[in-house]
Amino acid sequence: MKLAAMKPAVRLLVLLLSAACVYAAAPIEWSKNVRLTQRDFRSSVPPSAIDTAHSWVGLDVSWECREREARSHALATFDPDQSWWRSGTPSIWGGIDEGLSRSQLENRRTAAERDEDLLRHEQLHFDLTELAARKIRKQFEDLSRACATPAGDGRIGAAVADIERAWTDEQSRYDKDTDHGANRVAQRQWELRVRRQLEP
């Protein structure tokens, strides 16, 4: 089909769809050698957003029993097209005009330092997702045996659902404990614990 033969509205739609396919970013799979960067946050900031950044992390999980043979995968992914980053946010630490004490003023952070702290916070959301994916992959070690029994597939499904619920709860607990990364002491404690769990 020739673009010149199309109506202008249809031509514009085809061009827009083509552009979307060109610029759509594939989900990023978790890797110990790859860390998130600000460039990975490609979505526009929603007008009603109050957070400084939003990471869309997810578990890409599938399994099946076909003729008593097990096939499965569980991956931690980050979707750049659903994740956003607000540039140029003001300091969360305030200033002299806000009546802060000298010790509070000493805790002020530069924009680059705040961005680095925030990026580490968002990376840990991704790392927590990888830990959940590993738990699911561990469950899949029993999948071959499960496929040999009629109820085995359901048992695996229930175990995966439990891991996903625990993962969701842990993500919320992490944000609450660290005040979305603003509590630097709690953030560091989470980082150390998760780093130990990620080691082989």
N, C-alpha and C. Protein backbone atom coordinates (compact mmCIF):
# COMPACT_ATOMS: atom_id res chain seq x y z
N MET A 1 0.86 -1.17 0.00
CA MET A 1 0.00 0.00 0.00
C MET A 1 0.90 1.23 0.00
N LYS A 2 0.60 2.20 -0.81
CA LYS A 2 1.37 3.42 -0.90
C LYS A 2 0.81 4.46 0.05
N LEU A 3 1.68 5.15 0.77
CA LEU A 3 1.22 6.20 1.66
C LEU A 3 0.56 7.33 0.89
N ALA A 4 1.02 7.62 -0.28
CA ALA A 4 0.47 8.72 -1.07
C ALA A 4 -0.98 8.46 -1.44
N ALA A 5 -1.40 7.21 -1.52
CA ALA A 5 -2.76 6.88 -1.92
C ALA A 5 -3.74 6.95 -0.75
N MET A 6 -3.24 7.13 0.46
CA MET A 6 -4.12 7.14 1.63
C MET A 6 -4.69 8.52 1.86
N LYS A 7 -5.79 8.55 2.57
CA LYS A 7 -6.35 9.82 3.01
C LYS A 7 -5.40 10.44 4.04
N PRO A 8 -5.36 11.78 4.14
CA PRO A 8 -4.42 12.43 5.05
C PRO A 8 -4.53 11.95 6.50
N ALA A 9 -5.75 11.75 7.02
CA ALA A 9 -5.93 11.32 8.41
C ALA A 9 -5.34 9.92 8.61
N VAL A 10 -5.56 9.03 7.64
CA VAL A 10 -5.04 7.67 7.73
C VAL A 10 -3.51 7.70 7.63
N ARG A 11 -2.98 8.53 6.75
CA ARG A 11 -1.54 8.65 6.59
C ARG A 11 -0.91 9.11 7.91
N LEU A 12 -1.53 10.09 8.58
CA LEU A 12 -1.01 10.59 9.84
C LEU A 12 -1.03 9.48 10.89
N LEU A 13 -2.10 8.70 10.94
CA LEU A 13 -2.21 7.61 11.90
C LEU A 13 -1.11 6.59 11.67
N VAL A 14 -0.86 6.22 10.43
CA VAL A 14 0.20 5.26 10.11
C VAL A 14 1.56 5.80 10.51
N LEU A 15 1.80 7.08 10.24
CA LEU A 15 3.08 7.68 10.62
C LEU A 15 3.24 7.72 12.13
N LEU A 16 2.17 8.05 12.85
CA LEU A 16 2.25 8.08 14.31
C LEU A 16 2.52 6.69 14.87
N LEU A 17 1.82 5.68 14.33
CA LEU A 17 2.04 4.31 14.79
C LEU A 17 3.46 3.85 14.47
N SER A 18 3.96 4.22 13.32
CA SER A 18 5.33 3.86 12.96
C SER A 18 6.31 4.52 13.91
N ALA A 19 6.08 5.79 14.23
CA ALA A 19 6.97 6.49 15.14
C ALA A 19 6.92 5.86 16.53
N ALA A 20 5.72 5.46 16.97
CA ALA A 20 5.60 4.83 18.28
C ALA A 20 6.38 3.53 18.34
N CYS A 21 6.35 2.77 17.26
CA CYS A 21 7.09 1.51 17.22
C CYS A 21 8.59 1.76 17.24
N VAL A 22 9.01 2.83 16.60
CA VAL A 22 10.44 3.14 16.54
C VAL A 22 10.95 3.55 17.92
N TYR A 23 10.16 4.38 18.64
CA TYR A 23 10.63 4.95 19.89
C TYR A 23 10.22 4.15 21.12
N ALA A 24 9.37 3.16 20.99
CA ALA A 24 8.98 2.35 22.14
C ALA A 24 10.19 1.57 22.65
N ALA A 25 10.41 1.64 23.93
CA ALA A 25 11.56 0.95 24.52
C ALA A 25 11.13 -0.42 24.99
N ALA A 26 11.94 -1.41 24.71
CA ALA A 26 11.68 -2.75 25.19
C ALA A 26 11.89 -2.77 26.70
N PRO A 27 11.14 -3.60 27.40
CA PRO A 27 11.39 -3.72 28.84
C PRO A 27 12.85 -4.14 29.09
N ILE A 28 13.39 -3.65 30.17
CA ILE A 28 14.76 -3.97 30.55
C ILE A 28 14.70 -5.15 31.52
N GLU A 29 15.43 -6.21 31.21
CA GLU A 29 15.52 -7.34 32.12
C GLU A 29 16.60 -7.06 33.16
N TRP A 30 16.33 -7.48 34.40
CA TRP A 30 17.30 -7.26 35.46
C TRP A 30 18.60 -7.99 35.16
N SER A 31 19.71 -7.34 35.42
CA SER A 31 21.03 -7.93 35.26
C SER A 31 21.94 -7.35 36.33
N LYS A 32 22.81 -8.18 36.91
CA LYS A 32 23.72 -7.66 37.94
C LYS A 32 24.71 -6.66 37.36
N ASN A 33 24.90 -6.68 36.04
CA ASN A 33 25.88 -5.79 35.40
C ASN A 33 25.28 -4.51 34.84
N VAL A 34 23.96 -4.36 34.93
CA VAL A 34 23.30 -3.18 34.36
C VAL A 34 22.51 -2.47 35.45
N ARG A 35 22.77 -1.19 35.61
CA ARG A 35 22.05 -0.37 36.59
C ARG A 35 21.17 0.62 35.83
N LEU A 36 20.06 0.99 36.44
CA LEU A 36 19.17 1.97 35.83
C LEU A 36 19.84 3.34 35.78
N THR A 37 19.50 4.11 34.76
CA THR A 37 19.95 5.50 34.65
C THR A 37 18.73 6.38 34.48
N GLN A 38 18.90 7.67 34.61
CA GLN A 38 17.77 8.59 34.42
C GLN A 38 17.19 8.48 33.01
N ARG A 39 18.03 8.15 32.05
CA ARG A 39 17.55 8.03 30.66
C ARG A 39 16.58 6.86 30.48
N ASP A 40 16.58 5.92 31.42
CA ASP A 40 15.67 4.78 31.33
C ASP A 40 14.24 5.14 31.70
N PHE A 41 14.04 6.31 32.27
CA PHE A 41 12.70 6.75 32.68
C PHE A 41 12.16 7.62 31.55
N ARG A 42 11.35 7.05 30.66
CA ARG A 42 10.99 7.74 29.41
C ARG A 42 9.57 8.27 29.35
N SER A 43 8.75 7.90 30.28
CA SER A 43 7.37 8.36 30.24
C SER A 43 7.28 9.81 30.71
N SER A 44 6.24 10.50 30.30
CA SER A 44 5.98 11.86 30.78
C SER A 44 5.46 11.79 32.21
N VAL A 45 5.78 12.80 32.98
CA VAL A 45 5.28 12.85 34.35
C VAL A 45 3.79 13.19 34.32
N PRO A 46 2.95 12.36 34.92
CA PRO A 46 1.52 12.68 34.94
C PRO A 46 1.26 13.99 35.68
N PRO A 47 0.30 14.78 35.22
CA PRO A 47 0.03 16.08 35.86
C PRO A 47 -0.31 15.97 37.34
N SER A 48 -0.94 14.88 37.74
CA SER A 48 -1.36 14.72 39.14
C SER A 48 -0.29 14.06 40.01
N ALA A 49 0.86 13.74 39.45
CA ALA A 49 1.90 13.02 40.19
C ALA A 49 2.50 13.88 41.29
N ILE A 50 2.70 13.27 42.45
CA ILE A 50 3.35 13.98 43.56
C ILE A 50 4.74 13.42 43.83
N ASP A 51 5.01 12.21 43.35
CA ASP A 51 6.32 11.59 43.56
C ASP A 51 7.35 12.21 42.62
N THR A 52 8.62 12.07 43.00
CA THR A 52 9.71 12.59 42.20
C THR A 52 10.02 11.66 41.03
N ALA A 53 9.79 10.36 41.23
CA ALA A 53 10.05 9.37 40.17
C ALA A 53 9.11 8.20 40.37
N HIS A 54 8.92 7.46 39.30
CA HIS A 54 8.09 6.26 39.36
C HIS A 54 8.72 5.19 38.49
N SER A 55 9.01 4.04 39.10
CA SER A 55 9.55 2.89 38.37
C SER A 55 8.44 1.88 38.16
N TRP A 56 8.24 1.50 36.91
CA TRP A 56 7.30 0.40 36.63
C TRP A 56 8.14 -0.87 36.56
N VAL A 57 8.08 -1.62 37.64
CA VAL A 57 8.79 -2.90 37.68
C VAL A 57 7.75 -4.01 37.71
N GLY A 58 8.11 -5.14 37.13
CA GLY A 58 7.15 -6.22 37.09
C GLY A 58 7.81 -7.58 37.00
N LEU A 59 6.99 -8.58 37.21
CA LEU A 59 7.43 -9.97 37.09
C LEU A 59 6.82 -10.55 35.82
N ASP A 60 7.67 -10.95 34.90
CA ASP A 60 7.23 -11.60 33.67
C ASP A 60 7.36 -13.10 33.92
N VAL A 61 6.22 -13.74 34.18
CA VAL A 61 6.22 -15.14 34.62
C VAL A 61 5.28 -15.96 33.74
N SER A 62 5.76 -17.11 33.31
CA SER A 62 4.88 -18.04 32.62
C SER A 62 5.38 -19.46 32.85
N TRP A 63 4.46 -20.39 32.83
CA TRP A 63 4.80 -21.80 32.93
C TRP A 63 3.68 -22.61 32.31
N GLU A 64 4.03 -23.79 31.88
CA GLU A 64 3.02 -24.68 31.33
C GLU A 64 3.51 -26.12 31.44
N CYS A 65 2.54 -27.00 31.54
CA CYS A 65 2.79 -28.44 31.50
C CYS A 65 2.20 -28.93 30.18
N ARG A 66 3.05 -29.36 29.30
CA ARG A 66 2.58 -29.87 28.01
C ARG A 66 3.13 -31.28 27.84
N GLU A 67 2.19 -32.23 27.78
CA GLU A 67 2.57 -33.64 27.66
C GLU A 67 3.61 -34.01 28.71
N ARG A 68 3.31 -33.61 29.96
CA ARG A 68 4.16 -33.89 31.12
C ARG A 68 5.55 -33.26 31.05
N GLU A 69 5.72 -32.32 30.14
CA GLU A 69 6.99 -31.59 30.06
C GLU A 69 6.77 -30.17 30.55
N ALA A 70 7.70 -29.69 31.36
CA ALA A 70 7.57 -28.36 31.96
C ALA A 70 8.35 -27.33 31.17
N ARG A 71 7.70 -26.18 30.95
CA ARG A 71 8.36 -25.03 30.34
C ARG A 71 8.02 -23.81 31.19
N SER A 72 9.03 -23.02 31.50
CA SER A 72 8.77 -21.89 32.38
C SER A 72 9.83 -20.80 32.23
N HIS A 73 9.46 -19.62 32.67
CA HIS A 73 10.43 -18.53 32.84
C HIS A 73 9.88 -17.53 33.85
N ALA A 74 10.79 -16.86 34.54
CA ALA A 74 10.42 -15.82 35.50
C ALA A 74 11.51 -14.75 35.43
N LEU A 75 11.11 -13.56 35.01
CA LEU A 75 12.07 -12.47 34.83
C LEU A 75 11.60 -11.23 35.58
N ALA A 76 12.56 -10.48 36.12
CA ALA A 76 12.28 -9.17 36.69
C ALA A 76 12.48 -8.16 35.57
N THR A 77 11.49 -7.30 35.33
CA THR A 77 11.58 -6.34 34.24
C THR A 77 11.27 -4.92 34.72
N PHE A 78 11.80 -3.97 33.98
CA PHE A 78 11.57 -2.54 34.19
C PHE A 78 11.08 -2.00 32.87
N ASP A 79 9.95 -1.31 32.87
CA ASP A 79 9.38 -0.77 31.64
C ASP A 79 9.67 0.73 31.54
N PRO A 80 10.60 1.12 30.66
CA PRO A 80 10.94 2.54 30.52
C PRO A 80 9.76 3.40 30.08
N ASP A 81 8.86 2.85 29.26
CA ASP A 81 7.76 3.64 28.73
C ASP A 81 6.65 3.90 29.74
N GLN A 82 6.71 3.24 30.90
CA GLN A 82 5.74 3.50 31.96
C GLN A 82 6.40 4.08 33.21
N SER A 83 7.70 4.36 33.11
CA SER A 83 8.45 4.90 34.24
C SER A 83 8.83 6.35 33.95
N TRP A 84 8.73 7.20 34.96
CA TRP A 84 9.03 8.61 34.74
C TRP A 84 9.92 9.17 35.84
N TRP A 85 10.54 10.31 35.50
CA TRP A 85 11.50 10.99 36.37
C TRP A 85 11.23 12.47 36.27
N ARG A 86 11.09 13.11 37.41
CA ARG A 86 10.83 14.55 37.42
C ARG A 86 12.15 15.29 37.59
N SER A 87 12.58 15.99 36.56
CA SER A 87 13.85 16.73 36.63
C SER A 87 13.64 18.06 37.32
N GLY A 88 14.72 18.54 37.92
CA GLY A 88 14.70 19.88 38.50
C GLY A 88 13.83 20.02 39.71
N THR A 89 13.68 18.96 40.51
CA THR A 89 12.84 19.07 41.71
C THR A 89 13.58 19.86 42.78
N PRO A 90 12.84 20.61 43.57
CA PRO A 90 13.49 21.39 44.62
C PRO A 90 14.04 20.48 45.71
N SER A 91 14.95 21.02 46.51
CA SER A 91 15.55 20.25 47.59
C SER A 91 14.50 19.87 48.62
N ILE A 92 14.52 18.61 49.02
CA ILE A 92 13.59 18.19 50.07
C ILE A 92 14.10 18.62 51.44
N TRP A 93 15.31 19.18 51.47
CA TRP A 93 15.92 19.53 52.75
C TRP A 93 15.66 20.99 53.14
N GLY A 94 15.10 21.81 52.27
CA GLY A 94 14.75 23.18 52.61
C GLY A 94 15.95 24.11 52.63
N GLY A 95 15.79 25.26 53.27
CA GLY A 95 16.86 26.25 53.31
C GLY A 95 16.66 27.23 54.44
N ILE A 96 17.44 28.31 54.42
CA ILE A 96 17.40 29.31 55.49
C ILE A 96 16.02 29.94 55.58
N ASP A 97 15.40 30.19 54.43
CA ASP A 97 14.09 30.83 54.43
C ASP A 97 13.04 29.99 55.16
N GLU A 98 13.25 28.69 55.23
CA GLU A 98 12.30 27.82 55.90
C GLU A 98 12.58 27.72 57.40
N GLY A 99 13.60 28.44 57.89
CA GLY A 99 13.90 28.47 59.32
C GLY A 99 14.59 27.21 59.83
N LEU A 100 15.39 26.57 59.00
CA LEU A 100 16.06 25.35 59.42
C LEU A 100 17.29 25.66 60.26
N SER A 101 17.65 24.72 61.13
CA SER A 101 18.82 24.89 62.00
C SER A 101 20.10 24.69 61.19
N ARG A 102 21.25 25.02 61.81
CA ARG A 102 22.54 24.83 61.14
C ARG A 102 22.77 23.36 60.77
N SER A 103 22.43 22.44 61.70
CA SER A 103 22.65 21.03 61.40
C SER A 103 21.75 20.57 60.24
N GLN A 104 20.53 21.11 60.19
CA GLN A 104 19.66 20.76 59.07
C GLN A 104 20.21 21.32 57.76
N LEU A 105 20.75 22.54 57.82
CA LEU A 105 21.31 23.13 56.61
C LEU A 105 22.54 22.35 56.12
N GLU A 106 23.29 21.77 57.07
CA GLU A 106 24.45 20.96 56.69
C GLU A 106 24.03 19.70 55.94
N ASN A 107 22.81 19.29 56.15
CA ASN A 107 22.31 18.09 55.50
C ASN A 107 21.73 18.35 54.11
N ARG A 108 21.76 19.60 53.68
CA ARG A 108 21.24 19.90 52.34
C ARG A 108 22.01 19.13 51.29
N ARG A 109 21.34 18.73 50.29
CA ARG A 109 21.95 17.91 49.25
C ARG A 109 21.92 18.68 47.93
N THR A 110 22.96 18.51 47.14
CA THR A 110 22.96 19.12 45.81
C THR A 110 21.96 18.36 44.94
N ALA A 111 21.58 18.95 43.84
CA ALA A 111 20.63 18.29 42.93
C ALA A 111 21.21 16.97 42.43
N ALA A 112 22.49 16.94 42.11
CA ALA A 112 23.10 15.70 41.61
C ALA A 112 23.10 14.62 42.69
N GLU A 113 23.36 15.01 43.94
CA GLU A 113 23.35 14.04 45.04
C GLU A 113 21.94 13.50 45.27
N ARG A 114 20.96 14.39 45.22
CA ARG A 114 19.57 13.95 45.41
C ARG A 114 19.16 13.01 44.28
N ASP A 115 19.55 13.34 43.05
CA ASP A 115 19.22 12.46 41.92
C ASP A 115 19.87 11.09 42.08
N GLU A 116 21.11 11.08 42.54
CA GLU A 116 21.81 9.81 42.75
C GLU A 116 21.12 8.98 43.83
N ASP A 117 20.72 9.65 44.92
CA ASP A 117 20.00 8.94 45.99
C ASP A 117 18.68 8.37 45.46
N LEU A 118 17.97 9.18 44.70
CA LEU A 118 16.69 8.73 44.15
C LEU A 118 16.88 7.57 43.18
N LEU A 119 17.91 7.64 42.37
CA LEU A 119 18.18 6.56 41.42
C LEU A 119 18.49 5.26 42.15
N ARG A 120 19.25 5.34 43.24
CA ARG A 120 19.54 4.14 44.03
C ARG A 120 18.25 3.59 44.64
N HIS A 121 17.36 4.47 45.06
CA HIS A 121 16.07 4.03 45.62
C HIS A 121 15.26 3.28 44.56
N GLU A 122 15.19 3.86 43.36
CA GLU A 122 14.42 3.22 42.29
C GLU A 122 15.07 1.90 41.86
N GLN A 123 16.40 1.86 41.81
CA GLN A 123 17.10 0.62 41.46
C GLN A 123 16.76 -0.49 42.45
N LEU A 124 16.62 -0.14 43.72
CA LEU A 124 16.31 -1.17 44.70
C LEU A 124 14.92 -1.75 44.50
N HIS A 125 13.98 -0.95 43.98
CA HIS A 125 12.67 -1.53 43.62
C HIS A 125 12.87 -2.64 42.59
N PHE A 126 13.75 -2.38 41.63
CA PHE A 126 14.06 -3.36 40.59
C PHE A 126 14.76 -4.58 41.20
N ASP A 127 15.69 -4.34 42.12
CA ASP A 127 16.42 -5.43 42.77
C ASP A 127 15.47 -6.32 43.59
N LEU A 128 14.53 -5.71 44.28
CA LEU A 128 13.54 -6.49 45.03
C LEU A 128 12.71 -7.37 44.09
N THR A 129 12.45 -6.86 42.90
CA THR A 129 11.70 -7.63 41.91
C THR A 129 12.52 -8.83 41.45
N GLU A 130 13.82 -8.65 41.29
CA GLU A 130 14.69 -9.78 40.93
C GLU A 130 14.70 -10.85 42.02
N LEU A 131 14.70 -10.44 43.28
CA LEU A 131 14.65 -11.43 44.36
C LEU A 131 13.37 -12.25 44.29
N ALA A 132 12.25 -11.60 43.98
CA ALA A 132 10.99 -12.33 43.83
C ALA A 132 11.05 -13.27 42.64
N ALA A 133 11.64 -12.82 41.52
CA ALA A 133 11.77 -13.69 40.34
C ALA A 133 12.61 -14.92 40.67
N ARG A 134 13.65 -14.74 41.47
CA ARG A 134 14.48 -15.88 41.86
C ARG A 134 13.69 -16.89 42.70
N LYS A 135 12.84 -16.39 43.59
CA LYS A 135 12.01 -17.28 44.39
C LYS A 135 11.07 -18.08 43.49
N ILE A 136 10.53 -17.41 42.47
CA ILE A 136 9.63 -18.11 41.54
C ILE A 136 10.41 -19.14 40.75
N ARG A 137 11.59 -18.79 40.26
CA ARG A 137 12.41 -19.77 39.52
C ARG A 137 12.74 -20.98 40.40
N LYS A 138 12.93 -20.74 41.70
CA LYS A 138 13.18 -21.84 42.64
C LYS A 138 11.95 -22.75 42.69
N GLN A 139 10.76 -22.16 42.69
CA GLN A 139 9.53 -22.96 42.67
C GLN A 139 9.45 -23.80 41.40
N PHE A 140 9.94 -23.23 40.30
CA PHE A 140 9.87 -23.94 39.02
C PHE A 140 10.81 -25.15 38.97
N GLU A 141 11.74 -25.24 39.91
CA GLU A 141 12.58 -26.43 39.95
C GLU A 141 11.75 -27.68 40.20
N ASP A 142 10.59 -27.51 40.85
CA ASP A 142 9.68 -28.63 41.12
C ASP A 142 8.65 -28.81 40.01
N LEU A 143 8.70 -27.98 38.99
CA LEU A 143 7.65 -28.00 37.97
C LEU A 143 7.62 -29.33 37.21
N SER A 144 8.76 -29.92 36.93
CA SER A 144 8.77 -31.19 36.21
C SER A 144 7.98 -32.25 36.97
N ARG A 145 8.21 -32.32 38.28
CA ARG A 145 7.45 -33.28 39.10
C ARG A 145 5.99 -32.87 39.17
N ALA A 146 5.74 -31.58 39.27
CA ALA A 146 4.36 -31.11 39.36
C ALA A 146 3.58 -31.45 38.10
N CYS A 147 4.23 -31.39 36.95
CA CYS A 147 3.55 -31.69 35.69
C CYS A 147 3.15 -33.16 35.58
N ALA A 148 3.75 -33.99 36.39
CA ALA A 148 3.42 -35.43 36.35
C ALA A 148 2.15 -35.74 37.11
N THR A 149 1.62 -34.78 37.86
CA THR A 149 0.39 -35.02 38.62
C THR A 149 -0.69 -34.05 38.16
N PRO A 150 -1.95 -34.49 38.21
CA PRO A 150 -3.04 -33.62 37.73
C PRO A 150 -3.16 -32.29 38.48
N ALA A 151 -2.92 -32.28 39.78
CA ALA A 151 -3.08 -31.05 40.57
C ALA A 151 -1.79 -30.25 40.69
N GLY A 152 -0.72 -30.73 40.11
CA GLY A 152 0.58 -30.10 40.29
C GLY A 152 0.65 -28.69 39.74
N ASP A 153 0.05 -28.45 38.58
CA ASP A 153 0.07 -27.14 37.96
C ASP A 153 -0.60 -26.10 38.87
N GLY A 154 -1.69 -26.50 39.50
CA GLY A 154 -2.39 -25.60 40.43
C GLY A 154 -1.56 -25.29 41.66
N ARG A 155 -0.80 -26.28 42.12
CA ARG A 155 0.07 -26.08 43.28
C ARG A 155 1.15 -25.05 42.96
N ILE A 156 1.74 -25.17 41.78
CA ILE A 156 2.75 -24.19 41.36
C ILE A 156 2.12 -22.80 41.24
N GLY A 157 0.94 -22.73 40.65
CA GLY A 157 0.25 -21.45 40.51
C GLY A 157 -0.02 -20.78 41.84
N ALA A 158 -0.41 -21.55 42.84
CA ALA A 158 -0.67 -21.00 44.17
C ALA A 158 0.63 -20.48 44.79
N ALA A 159 1.72 -21.22 44.62
CA ALA A 159 3.02 -20.79 45.17
C ALA A 159 3.48 -19.50 44.51
N VAL A 160 3.31 -19.39 43.19
CA VAL A 160 3.70 -18.17 42.47
C VAL A 160 2.86 -16.98 42.95
N ALA A 161 1.56 -17.20 43.13
CA ALA A 161 0.67 -16.12 43.60
C ALA A 161 1.10 -15.65 44.99
N ASP A 162 1.50 -16.57 45.87
CA ASP A 162 1.96 -16.19 47.21
C ASP A 162 3.23 -15.34 47.12
N ILE A 163 4.15 -15.72 46.25
CA ILE A 163 5.39 -14.96 46.09
C ILE A 163 5.09 -13.57 45.54
N GLU A 164 4.17 -13.47 44.59
CA GLU A 164 3.82 -12.17 44.02
C GLU A 164 3.17 -11.27 45.07
N ARG A 165 2.31 -11.83 45.93
CA ARG A 165 1.70 -11.03 47.00
C ARG A 165 2.77 -10.53 47.98
N ALA A 166 3.69 -11.41 48.36
CA ALA A 166 4.76 -11.02 49.28
C ALA A 166 5.64 -9.94 48.65
N TRP A 167 5.89 -10.05 47.34
CA TRP A 167 6.68 -9.05 46.62
C TRP A 167 6.00 -7.68 46.65
N THR A 168 4.70 -7.65 46.40
CA THR A 168 3.94 -6.40 46.43
C THR A 168 3.99 -5.78 47.82
N ASP A 169 3.81 -6.61 48.85
CA ASP A 169 3.86 -6.11 50.23
C ASP A 169 5.24 -5.55 50.56
N GLU A 170 6.29 -6.24 50.11
CA GLU A 170 7.65 -5.79 50.40
C GLU A 170 7.96 -4.47 49.71
N GLN A 171 7.46 -4.29 48.48
CA GLN A 171 7.66 -3.01 47.78
C GLN A 171 7.04 -1.86 48.57
N SER A 172 5.83 -2.08 49.10
CA SER A 172 5.16 -1.04 49.89
C SER A 172 5.91 -0.79 51.20
N ARG A 173 6.35 -1.86 51.86
CA ARG A 173 7.09 -1.72 53.11
C ARG A 173 8.40 -0.96 52.89
N TYR A 174 9.06 -1.24 51.78
CA TYR A 174 10.32 -0.56 51.45
C TYR A 174 10.08 0.95 51.32
N ASP A 175 9.06 1.35 50.57
CA ASP A 175 8.77 2.78 50.43
C ASP A 175 8.42 3.42 51.77
N LYS A 176 7.65 2.69 52.58
CA LYS A 176 7.25 3.24 53.88
C LYS A 176 8.46 3.37 54.80
N ASP A 177 9.27 2.31 54.90
CA ASP A 177 10.43 2.32 55.80
C ASP A 177 11.43 3.42 55.43
N THR A 178 11.62 3.64 54.14
CA THR A 178 12.63 4.61 53.69
C THR A 178 12.05 5.98 53.38
N ASP A 179 10.75 6.14 53.59
CA ASP A 179 10.05 7.38 53.22
C ASP A 179 10.39 7.72 51.76
N HIS A 180 10.23 6.72 50.90
CA HIS A 180 10.50 6.84 49.46
C HIS A 180 11.93 7.30 49.19
N GLY A 181 12.85 6.85 50.03
CA GLY A 181 14.26 7.16 49.84
C GLY A 181 14.75 8.38 50.60
N ALA A 182 13.86 9.17 51.19
CA ALA A 182 14.28 10.38 51.91
C ALA A 182 14.99 10.05 53.22
N ASN A 183 14.64 8.91 53.85
CA ASN A 183 15.33 8.47 55.06
C ASN A 183 16.58 7.72 54.63
N ARG A 184 17.69 8.43 54.61
CA ARG A 184 18.93 7.86 54.05
C ARG A 184 19.48 6.72 54.88
N VAL A 185 19.28 6.73 56.20
CA VAL A 185 19.76 5.65 57.05
C VAL A 185 19.00 4.36 56.73
N ALA A 186 17.67 4.45 56.68
CA ALA A 186 16.87 3.28 56.37
C ALA A 186 17.14 2.80 54.94
N GLN A 187 17.34 3.74 54.02
CA GLN A 187 17.65 3.38 52.63
C GLN A 187 18.93 2.56 52.58
N ARG A 188 19.94 3.00 53.30
CA ARG A 188 21.23 2.28 53.31
C ARG A 188 21.06 0.89 53.91
N GLN A 189 20.25 0.75 54.95
CA GLN A 189 20.03 -0.56 55.55
C GLN A 189 19.37 -1.52 54.56
N TRP A 190 18.37 -1.03 53.83
CA TRP A 190 17.71 -1.86 52.81
C TRP A 190 18.71 -2.24 51.73
N GLU A 191 19.53 -1.28 51.29
CA GLU A 191 20.51 -1.57 50.24
C GLU A 191 21.47 -2.67 50.66
N LEU A 192 21.98 -2.60 51.89
CA LEU A 192 22.92 -3.61 52.35
C LEU A 192 22.27 -4.98 52.43
N ARG A 193 21.04 -5.03 52.95
CA ARG A 193 20.35 -6.31 53.08
C ARG A 193 20.07 -6.93 51.72
N VAL A 194 19.57 -6.12 50.79
CA VAL A 194 19.22 -6.64 49.46
C VAL A 194 20.48 -7.04 48.70
N ARG A 195 21.56 -6.26 48.83
CA ARG A 195 22.81 -6.61 48.16
C ARG A 195 23.32 -7.98 48.61
N ARG A 196 23.21 -8.26 49.92
CA ARG A 196 23.62 -9.57 50.43
C ARG A 196 22.76 -10.68 49.83
N GLN A 197 21.46 -10.43 49.70
CA GLN A 197 20.55 -11.45 49.16
C GLN A 197 20.79 -11.69 47.68
N LEU A 198 21.26 -10.67 46.98
CA LEU A 198 21.51 -10.81 45.54
C LEU A 198 22.81 -11.53 45.23
N GLU A 199 23.71 -11.59 46.19
CA GLU A 199 24.98 -12.26 45.93
C GLU A 199 24.74 -13.74 45.69
N PRO A 200 25.49 -14.33 44.74
CA PRO A 200 25.27 -15.75 44.43
C PRO A 200 25.65 -16.66 45.58
